[in-house]
C-alpha atoms as a PDB file:
ATOM      1  CA  MET A   1     -12.850  24.784  -5.572  1.00  0.00           C
ATOM      2  CA  TRP A   2     -10.414  22.163  -6.861  1.00  0.00           C
ATOM      3  CA  SER A   3      -8.260  23.074  -9.826  1.00  0.00           C
ATOM      4  CA  LEU A   4      -5.558  21.109 -11.617  1.00  0.00           C
ATOM      5  CA  LYS A   5      -3.370  24.216 -11.706  1.00  0.00           C
ATOM      6  CA  ASN A   6      -3.442  24.646  -7.929  1.00  0.00           C
ATOM      7  CA  GLU A   7      -2.836  20.947  -7.272  1.00  0.00           C
ATOM      8  CA  LEU A   8       0.151  20.898  -9.593  1.00  0.00           C
ATOM      9  CA  LYS A   9       1.490  24.071  -7.977  1.00  0.00           C
ATOM     10  CA  ALA A  10       1.292  22.407  -4.566  1.00  0.00           C
ATOM     11  CA  ASN A  11       2.831  19.081  -5.557  1.00  0.00           C
ATOM     12  CA  VAL A  12       5.115  19.571  -8.576  1.00  0.00           C
ATOM     13  CA  THR A  13       8.484  21.223  -8.022  1.00  0.00           C
ATOM     14  CA  GLY A  14       9.864  21.305 -11.590  1.00  0.00           C
ATOM     15  CA  PRO A  15       9.732  24.379 -13.843  1.00  0.00           C
ATOM     16  CA  LYS A  16       7.209  22.820 -16.211  1.00  0.00           C
ATOM     17  CA  ALA A  17       4.523  20.271 -15.363  1.00  0.00           C
ATOM     18  CA  SER A  18       3.697  17.270 -17.533  1.00  0.00           C
ATOM     19  CA  LEU A  19       0.245  15.712 -17.204  1.00  0.00           C
ATOM     20  CA  VAL A  20       1.483  12.184 -17.915  1.00  0.00           C
ATOM     21  CA  SER A  21       4.673  12.400 -15.850  1.00  0.00           C
ATOM     22  CA  ASP A  22       3.851  14.771 -12.986  1.00  0.00           C
ATOM     23  CA  VAL A  23       0.161  14.022 -12.506  1.00  0.00           C
ATOM     24  CA  PHE A  24      -0.147  10.361 -13.418  1.00  0.00           C
ATOM     25  CA  GLY A  25       3.453   9.545 -12.504  1.00  0.00           C
ATOM     26  CA  TYR A  26       4.607   7.631 -15.575  1.00  0.00           C
ATOM     27  CA  ILE A  27       8.394   7.753 -15.832  1.00  0.00           C
ATOM     28  CA  ARG A  28       8.522   7.493 -19.608  1.00  0.00           C
ATOM     29  CA  GLY A  29       6.245  10.507 -20.083  1.00  0.00           C
ATOM     30  CA  ARG A  30       3.673   8.619 -22.135  1.00  0.00           C
ATOM     31  CA  LEU A  31       0.656   6.452 -21.430  1.00  0.00           C
ATOM     32  CA  PRO A  32       1.804   2.848 -20.860  1.00  0.00           C
ATOM     33  CA  ARG A  33       0.611  -0.168 -22.836  1.00  0.00           C
ATOM     34  CA  ASP A  34      -1.243  -3.096 -21.307  1.00  0.00           C
ATOM     35  CA  PRO A  35       0.925  -6.077 -20.289  1.00  0.00           C
ATOM     36  CA  ASP A  36       0.105  -7.765 -23.609  1.00  0.00           C
ATOM     37  CA  GLY A  37       0.870  -4.593 -25.570  1.00  0.00           C
ATOM     38  CA  GLY A  38      -2.693  -3.296 -25.991  1.00  0.00           C
ATOM     39  CA  PRO A  39      -3.695   0.376 -25.626  1.00  0.00           C
ATOM     40  CA  THR A  40      -4.786   1.905 -22.319  1.00  0.00           C
ATOM     41  CA  SER A  41      -6.555   5.014 -21.092  1.00  0.00           C
ATOM     42  CA  ILE A  42      -6.858   7.022 -17.885  1.00  0.00           C
ATOM     43  CA  SER A  43      -9.402   9.579 -16.705  1.00  0.00           C
ATOM     44  CA  LEU A  44      -8.204  12.923 -15.360  1.00  0.00           C
ATOM     45  CA  ARG A  45     -11.658  13.518 -13.878  1.00  0.00           C
ATOM     46  CA  LYS A  46     -11.535  10.293 -11.857  1.00  0.00           C
ATOM     47  CA  TRP A  47      -7.966  11.010 -10.766  1.00  0.00           C
ATOM     48  CA  ALA A  48      -9.001  14.474  -9.562  1.00  0.00           C
ATOM     49  CA  GLN A  49     -11.695  12.920  -7.364  1.00  0.00           C
ATOM     50  CA  LEU A  50      -9.174  10.794  -5.473  1.00  0.00           C
ATOM     51  CA  GLY A  51      -8.162  11.732  -1.968  1.00  0.00           C
ATOM     52  CA  VAL A  52      -7.972  10.467   1.593  1.00  0.00           C
ATOM     53  CA  GLY A  53     -10.329   7.530   2.003  1.00  0.00           C
ATOM     54  CA  ASN A  54     -10.590   6.405  -1.612  1.00  0.00           C
ATOM     55  CA  SER A  55      -6.960   6.210  -2.743  1.00  0.00           C
ATOM     56  CA  PHE A  56      -3.357   5.620  -1.740  1.00  0.00           C
ATOM     57  CA  ASN A  57       0.027   6.950  -2.849  1.00  0.00           C
ATOM     58  CA  VAL A  58       2.949   4.886  -4.114  1.00  0.00           C
ATOM     59  CA  MET A  59       6.670   5.635  -3.974  1.00  0.00           C
ATOM     60  CA  THR A  60       8.478   3.808  -6.768  1.00  0.00           C
ATOM     61  CA  ILE A  61      12.067   3.131  -5.679  1.00  0.00           C
ATOM     62  CA  PHE A  62      14.594   2.147  -8.346  1.00  0.00           C
ATOM     63  CA  VAL A  63      17.383   0.170  -6.704  1.00  0.00           C
ATOM     64  CA  GLY A  64      20.645   0.397  -8.656  1.00  0.00           C
ATOM     65  CA  ILE A  65      19.475   3.265 -10.838  1.00  0.00           C
ATOM     66  CA  GLU A  66      22.540   3.208 -13.104  1.00  0.00           C
ATOM     67  CA  SER A  67      21.490  -0.173 -14.508  1.00  0.00           C
ATOM     68  CA  PHE A  68      17.935   0.784 -15.437  1.00  0.00           C
ATOM     69  CA  THR A  69      17.033   0.819 -19.137  1.00  0.00           C
ATOM     70  CA  PRO A  70      14.094   2.400 -21.006  1.00  0.00           C
ATOM     71  CA  SER A  71      12.437  -1.025 -21.319  1.00  0.00           C
ATOM     72  CA  MET A  72      12.640  -1.494 -17.546  1.00  0.00           C
ATOM     73  CA  PHE A  73      10.936   1.846 -16.980  1.00  0.00           C
ATOM     74  CA  ASP A  74       8.303   0.855 -19.554  1.00  0.00           C
ATOM     75  CA  GLU A  75       7.659  -2.309 -17.543  1.00  0.00           C
ATOM     76  CA  ILE A  76       7.327  -0.335 -14.308  1.00  0.00           C
ATOM     77  CA  ASP A  77       4.903   2.132 -15.923  1.00  0.00           C
ATOM     78  CA  THR A  78       2.825  -0.789 -17.192  1.00  0.00           C
ATOM     79  CA  ALA A  79       2.784  -2.357 -13.723  1.00  0.00           C
ATOM     80  CA  ILE A  80       1.678   0.895 -12.088  1.00  0.00           C
ATOM     81  CA  HIS A  81      -1.037   1.457 -14.679  1.00  0.00           C
ATOM     82  CA  ARG A  82      -2.296  -2.096 -14.247  1.00  0.00           C
ATOM     83  CA  MET A  83      -2.435  -1.508 -10.493  1.00  0.00           C
ATOM     84  CA  ARG A  84      -4.590   1.536 -11.140  1.00  0.00           C
ATOM     85  CA  GLU A  85      -6.979  -0.635 -13.139  1.00  0.00           C
ATOM     86  CA  VAL A  86      -7.054  -3.454 -10.568  1.00  0.00           C
ATOM     87  CA  TYR A  87      -7.817  -1.260  -7.556  1.00  0.00           C
ATOM     88  CA  GLY A  88      -9.937   1.154  -9.563  1.00  0.00           C
ATOM     89  CA  ALA A  89     -12.345  -1.729 -10.172  1.00  0.00           C
ATOM     90  CA  ILE A  90     -13.232  -1.686  -6.443  1.00  0.00           C
ATOM     91  CA  GLY A  91     -13.372   2.103  -6.167  1.00  0.00           C
ATOM     92  CA  LEU A  92      -9.854   2.565  -4.793  1.00  0.00           C
ATOM     93  CA  GLY A  93      -7.453   4.737  -6.751  1.00  0.00           C
ATOM     94  CA  VAL A  94      -3.730   5.347  -6.960  1.00  0.00           C
ATOM     95  CA  LYS A  95      -3.251   9.086  -6.531  1.00  0.00           C
ATOM     96  CA  TRP A  96       0.377  10.248  -6.437  1.00  0.00           C
ATOM     97  CA  ILE A  97       3.342   8.279  -7.770  1.00  0.00           C
ATOM     98  CA  VAL A  98       6.558   9.527  -6.158  1.00  0.00           C
ATOM     99  CA  PRO A  99       9.769   8.346  -7.888  1.00  0.00           C
ATOM    100  CA  TRP A 100      12.953   7.745  -5.918  1.00  0.00           C
ATOM    101  CA  GLN A 101      16.271   6.147  -6.691  1.00  0.00           C
ATOM    102  CA  ILE A 102      19.060   4.316  -4.882  1.00  0.00           C
ATOM    103  CA  THR A 103      22.474   4.235  -6.495  1.00  0.00           C
ATOM    104  CA  THR A 104      24.343   0.986  -6.982  1.00  0.00           C
ATOM    105  CA  SER A 105      26.955   1.970  -4.417  1.00  0.00           C
ATOM    106  CA  ASP A 106      24.360   2.944  -1.831  1.00  0.00           C
ATOM    107  CA  ALA A 107      22.444  -0.301  -2.432  1.00  0.00           C
ATOM    108  CA  ASP A 108      25.457  -2.225  -1.092  1.00  0.00           C
ATOM    109  CA  GLY A 109      24.801  -5.322  -3.195  1.00  0.00           C
ATOM    110  CA  LEU A 110      21.001  -5.221  -2.935  1.00  0.00           C
ATOM    111  CA  ASP A 111      20.511  -3.865  -6.452  1.00  0.00           C
ATOM    112  CA  VAL A 112      20.635  -7.457  -7.767  1.00  0.00           C
ATOM    113  CA  LEU A 113      18.627  -9.875  -5.628  1.00  0.00           C
ATOM    114  CA  THR A 114      19.203 -13.618  -5.694  1.00  0.00           C
ATOM    115  CA  SER A 115      17.508 -14.844  -2.498  1.00  0.00           C
ATOM    116  CA  GLU A 116      14.523 -14.153  -0.285  1.00  0.00           C
ATOM    117  CA  GLY A 117      16.910 -13.181   2.485  1.00  0.00           C
ATOM    118  CA  GLU A 118      18.274 -10.373   0.319  1.00  0.00           C
ATOM    119  CA  VAL A 119      14.722  -9.184  -0.370  1.00  0.00           C
ATOM    120  CA  ASP A 120      14.145  -9.063   3.385  1.00  0.00           C
ATOM    121  CA  ASP A 121      17.366  -7.107   3.855  1.00  0.00           C
ATOM    122  CA  LEU A 122      16.230  -4.537   1.287  1.00  0.00           C
ATOM    123  CA  LEU A 123      12.746  -4.155   2.756  1.00  0.00           C
ATOM    124  CA  SER A 124      13.970  -3.930   6.344  1.00  0.00           C
ATOM    125  CA  GLY A 125      17.076  -1.853   5.708  1.00  0.00           C
ATOM    126  CA  TRP A 126      15.463   0.992   3.809  1.00  0.00           C
ATOM    127  CA  GLY A 127      12.385   3.093   4.446  1.00  0.00           C
ATOM    128  CA  PHE A 128      11.161   6.422   3.100  1.00  0.00           C
ATOM    129  CA  ASP A 129       8.512   8.453   4.917  1.00  0.00           C
ATOM    130  CA  LYS A 130       6.742   9.966   1.918  1.00  0.00           C
ATOM    131  CA  ASN A 131       3.163   9.147   2.955  1.00  0.00           C
ATOM    132  CA  ALA A 132       3.170   6.435   0.323  1.00  0.00           C
ATOM    133  CA  ILE A 133       3.606   2.694  -0.009  1.00  0.00           C
ATOM    134  CA  ASN A 134       7.309   2.032  -0.593  1.00  0.00           C
ATOM    135  CA  LEU A 135       7.460  -0.089  -3.754  1.00  0.00           C
ATOM    136  CA  TYR A 136      10.974  -1.315  -4.606  1.00  0.00           C
ATOM    137  CA  PHE A 137      12.116  -2.362  -8.069  1.00  0.00           C
ATOM    138  CA  PRO A 138      15.648  -3.849  -7.982  1.00  0.00           C
ATOM    139  CA  ALA A 139      17.726  -3.593 -11.158  1.00  0.00           C
ATOM    140  CA  GLY A 140      18.390  -7.335 -11.109  1.00  0.00           C
ATOM    141  CA  TRP A 141      16.248 -10.279 -10.026  1.00  0.00           C
ATOM    142  CA  SER A 142      17.440 -13.889 -10.165  1.00  0.00           C
ATOM    143  CA  MET A 143      15.629 -16.242  -7.806  1.00  0.00           C
ATOM    144  CA  SER A 144      16.258 -19.986  -7.969  1.00  0.00           C
ATOM    145  CA  ASP A 145      13.106 -20.671  -5.929  1.00  0.00           C
ATOM    146  CA  GLY A 146      10.744 -18.819  -8.295  1.00  0.00           C
ATOM    147  CA  LEU A 147      10.037 -15.904  -5.956  1.00  0.00           C
ATOM    148  CA  ILE A 148       8.732 -12.930  -7.954  1.00  0.00           C
ATOM    149  CA  GLY A 149       7.909 -10.449  -5.176  1.00  0.00           C
ATOM    150  CA  LYS A 150       7.449  -9.950  -1.458  1.00  0.00           C
ATOM    151  CA  SER A 151       5.774  -7.485   0.887  1.00  0.00           C
ATOM    152  CA  ALA A 152       5.161  -6.548   4.466  1.00  0.00           C
ATOM    153  CA  GLU A 153       1.711  -7.881   5.470  1.00  0.00           C
ATOM    154  CA  PRO A 154       0.247  -5.515   6.426  1.00  0.00           C
ATOM    155  CA  GLY A 155       2.610  -2.646   5.731  1.00  0.00           C
ATOM    156  CA  PRO A 156       3.330   0.295   8.063  1.00  0.00           C
ATOM    157  CA  CYS A 157       1.308   3.490   8.198  1.00  0.00           C
ATOM    158  CA  PRO A 158       2.244   6.972   6.946  1.00  0.00           C
ATOM    159  CA  GLY A 159       5.219   8.289   8.882  1.00  0.00           C
ATOM    160  CA  GLU A 160       6.197   4.845  10.218  1.00  0.00           C
ATOM    161  CA  GLN A 161       8.360   3.443   7.401  1.00  0.00           C
ATOM    162  CA  THR A 162      11.680   4.523   8.957  1.00  0.00           C
ATOM    163  CA  GLN A 163      10.582   3.406  12.428  1.00  0.00           C
ATOM    164  CA  THR A 164       9.425  -0.102  11.535  1.00  0.00           C
ATOM    165  CA  LYS A 165      11.518  -3.045  12.709  1.00  0.00           C
ATOM    166  CA  GLY A 166      10.998  -5.594   9.956  1.00  0.00           C
ATOM    167  CA  LEU A 167       9.684  -5.316   6.425  1.00  0.00           C
ATOM    168  CA  ALA A 168       8.678  -1.761   5.566  1.00  0.00           C
ATOM    169  CA  GLY A 169       7.522  -1.966   1.953  1.00  0.00           C
ATOM    170  CA  SER A 170       6.876  -4.163  -1.076  1.00  0.00           C
ATOM    171  CA  CYS A 171       9.356  -5.495  -3.621  1.00  0.00           C
ATOM    172  CA  VAL A 172       8.683  -6.536  -7.223  1.00  0.00           C
ATOM    173  CA  GLY A 173      11.006  -8.359  -9.586  1.00  0.00           C
ATOM    174  CA  LEU A 174      11.122  -7.107 -13.164  1.00  0.00           C
ATOM    175  CA  THR A 175      10.430 -10.489 -14.714  1.00  0.00           C
ATOM    176  CA  GLY A 176       8.503  -9.254 -17.766  1.00  0.00           C
ATOM    177  CA  PRO A 177       5.301  -7.164 -17.962  1.00  0.00           C
ATOM    178  CA  LEU A 178       2.943 -10.155 -18.144  1.00  0.00           C
ATOM    179  CA  THR A 179       4.154 -11.203 -14.688  1.00  0.00           C
ATOM    180  CA  SER A 180       5.348  -8.051 -12.935  1.00  0.00           C
ATOM    181  CA  SER A 181       2.131  -6.161 -13.722  1.00  0.00           C
ATOM    182  CA  ARG A 182       0.201  -8.660 -11.584  1.00  0.00           C
ATOM    183  CA  THR A 183       2.925  -9.022  -8.951  1.00  0.00           C
ATOM    184  CA  CYS A 184       2.876  -5.274  -8.345  1.00  0.00           C
ATOM    185  CA  SER A 185      -0.841  -5.320  -7.508  1.00  0.00           C
ATOM    186  CA  HIS A 186      -0.566  -8.599  -5.568  1.00  0.00           C
ATOM    187  CA  GLU A 187       2.244  -7.382  -3.300  1.00  0.00           C
ATOM    188  CA  THR A 188       0.429  -4.095  -2.754  1.00  0.00           C
ATOM    189  CA  GLY A 189      -2.557  -6.190  -1.676  1.00  0.00           C
ATOM    190  CA  HIS A 190      -0.384  -7.772   1.010  1.00  0.00           C
ATOM    191  CA  TYR A 191       0.762  -4.320   2.128  1.00  0.00           C
ATOM    192  CA  LEU A 192      -2.887  -3.293   2.439  1.00  0.00           C
ATOM    193  CA  GLY A 193      -3.574  -6.325   4.637  1.00  0.00           C
ATOM    194  CA  LEU A 194      -4.705  -9.088   2.286  1.00  0.00           C
ATOM    195  CA  SER A 195      -3.548 -12.701   2.640  1.00  0.00           C
ATOM    196  CA  HIS A 196      -3.173 -15.439   0.017  1.00  0.00           C
ATOM    197  CA  LYS A 197      -6.259 -17.066  -1.529  1.00  0.00           C
ATOM    198  CA  GLN A 198      -4.770 -20.082  -3.255  1.00  0.00           C
ATOM    199  CA  ASP A 199      -8.115 -21.816  -3.889  1.00  0.00           C
ATOM    200  CA  PHE A 200      -9.460 -18.945  -5.997  1.00  0.00           C
ATOM    201  CA  PRO A 201      -7.424 -18.790  -9.246  1.00  0.00           C
ATOM    202  CA  GLU A 202      -9.192 -15.666 -10.540  1.00  0.00           C
ATOM    203  CA  ASN A 203      -8.421 -13.730  -7.368  1.00  0.00           C
ATOM    204  CA  LEU A 204      -5.567 -11.231  -7.156  1.00  0.00           C
ATOM    205  CA  MET A 205      -4.314 -12.793  -3.942  1.00  0.00           C
ATOM    206  CA  CYS A 206      -3.904 -16.249  -5.431  1.00  0.00           C
ATOM    207  CA  GLN A 207      -0.177 -16.743  -6.015  1.00  0.00           C
ATOM    208  CA  THR A 208       0.713 -16.387  -9.677  1.00  0.00           C
ATOM    209  CA  LYS A 209       1.821 -20.026  -9.998  1.00  0.00           C
ATOM    210  CA  PHE A 210      -1.714 -21.110  -9.076  1.00  0.00           C
ATOM    211  CA  ALA A 211      -3.622 -18.330 -10.879  1.00  0.00           C
ATOM    212  CA  SER A 212      -5.740 -18.598 -13.998  1.00  0.00           C
ATOM    213  CA  VAL A 213      -4.101 -17.981 -17.353  1.00  0.00           C
ATOM    214  CA  PRO A 214      -3.441 -15.337 -18.544  1.00  0.00           C
ATOM    215  CA  THR A 215      -2.382 -14.467 -15.034  1.00  0.00           C
ATOM    216  CA  TRP A 216      -2.284 -10.699 -15.612  1.00  0.00           C
ATOM    217  CA  LYS A 217      -6.078 -10.837 -15.930  1.00  0.00           C
ATOM    218  CA  ALA A 218      -6.570 -12.946 -12.780  1.00  0.00           C
ATOM    219  CA  VAL A 219      -6.963  -9.907 -10.528  1.00  0.00           C
ATOM    220  CA  ALA A 220     -10.439 -10.066  -8.963  1.00  0.00           C
ATOM    221  CA  LEU A 221     -10.927  -8.529  -5.522  1.00  0.00           C
ATOM    222  CA  LYS A 222     -14.181  -9.434  -3.803  1.00  0.00           C
ATOM    223  CA  ASN A 223     -15.818 -11.049  -0.796  1.00  0.00           C
ATOM    224  CA  VAL A 224     -14.153 -14.444  -0.853  1.00  0.00           C
ATOM    225  CA  ASP A 225     -13.571 -17.224   1.669  1.00  0.00           C
ATOM    226  CA  GLY A 226     -15.121 -15.111   4.429  1.00  0.00           C
ATOM    227  CA  ASP A 227     -12.975 -12.044   3.725  1.00  0.00           C
ATOM    228  CA  ASP A 228     -14.371  -8.849   2.217  1.00  0.00           C
ATOM    229  CA  GLN A 229     -11.243  -7.844   0.318  1.00  0.00           C
ATOM    230  CA  PRO A 230     -12.480  -4.460  -1.003  1.00  0.00           C
ATOM    231  CA  ALA A 231     -13.589  -3.390   2.469  1.00  0.00           C
ATOM    232  CA  GLU A 232     -10.377  -4.623   4.089  1.00  0.00           C
ATOM    233  CA  VAL A 233      -7.961  -2.707   1.867  1.00  0.00           C
ATOM    234  CA  LYS A 234      -9.983   0.483   2.286  1.00  0.00           C
ATOM    235  CA  LEU A 235      -9.462   0.296   6.054  1.00  0.00           C
ATOM    236  CA  HIS A 236      -5.673   0.340   5.809  1.00  0.00           C
ATOM    237  CA  CYS A 237      -4.028   3.473   7.181  1.00  0.00           C
ATOM    238  CA  MET A 238      -2.365   4.227   3.831  1.00  0.00           C
ATOM    239  CA  VAL A 239      -5.890   4.795   2.524  1.00  0.00           C
ATOM    240  CA  THR A 240      -7.500   6.435   5.537  1.00  0.00           C
ATOM    241  CA  ARG A 241      -4.646   8.641   6.760  1.00  0.00           C
ATOM    242  CA  TRP A 242      -2.366   9.675   3.877  1.00  0.00           C
ATOM    243  CA  TRP A 243      -1.601  13.293   3.141  1.00  0.00           C
ATOM    244  CA  VAL A 244       0.607  15.010   0.587  1.00  0.00           C
ATOM    245  CA  ALA A 245       3.668  16.636   2.133  1.00  0.00           C
END
């Protein structure tokens, strides 16, 4: 029989577990706000029902950790929570959030990204086999071409991130919660195998510059343009094969 106590014992290494931080994975230790500042909620019962086949794990990687501020972590928590809402609407959950950090010195200049080539260098030069989608948040993001995120499409399977030649994760610029909260879900969609749907402004896979306003609410996933998006993401190996190490 499943119990929260046993699951925490198996997956939490600290001396004292926090429901918000260790179970739901929010860095700030409190329930995030919506992108527009509104209140949110999350169900422990629904989270407990997630497992292989109806959920995926995410590894949040903070690149240039020394430069991160509380407001940046708030933005990341909001983006992760919004992703839970977006994929939860099609019966696909986000189970474990695994935090990781890269120091400024180890990042070797990739803590502040200014070009798509640098994004590619980050996503192809690093990889963490934690049975989770590698989701990178650089400390700085300054793109002259308007790029707000990028991802492998589709992304590698559990255990393959360090073996992949090419992009091995997803990257999201912290450009404000109204934008990054959608970008996080959009780039994860690419990782799970979805392509752009520019002619459908309410769809998650429409690029933000073409999406309906407010863009953070333009996150529909459905059977569109001949593609069954909910079915497709559920077939990705990060959903069908993950396990908790």
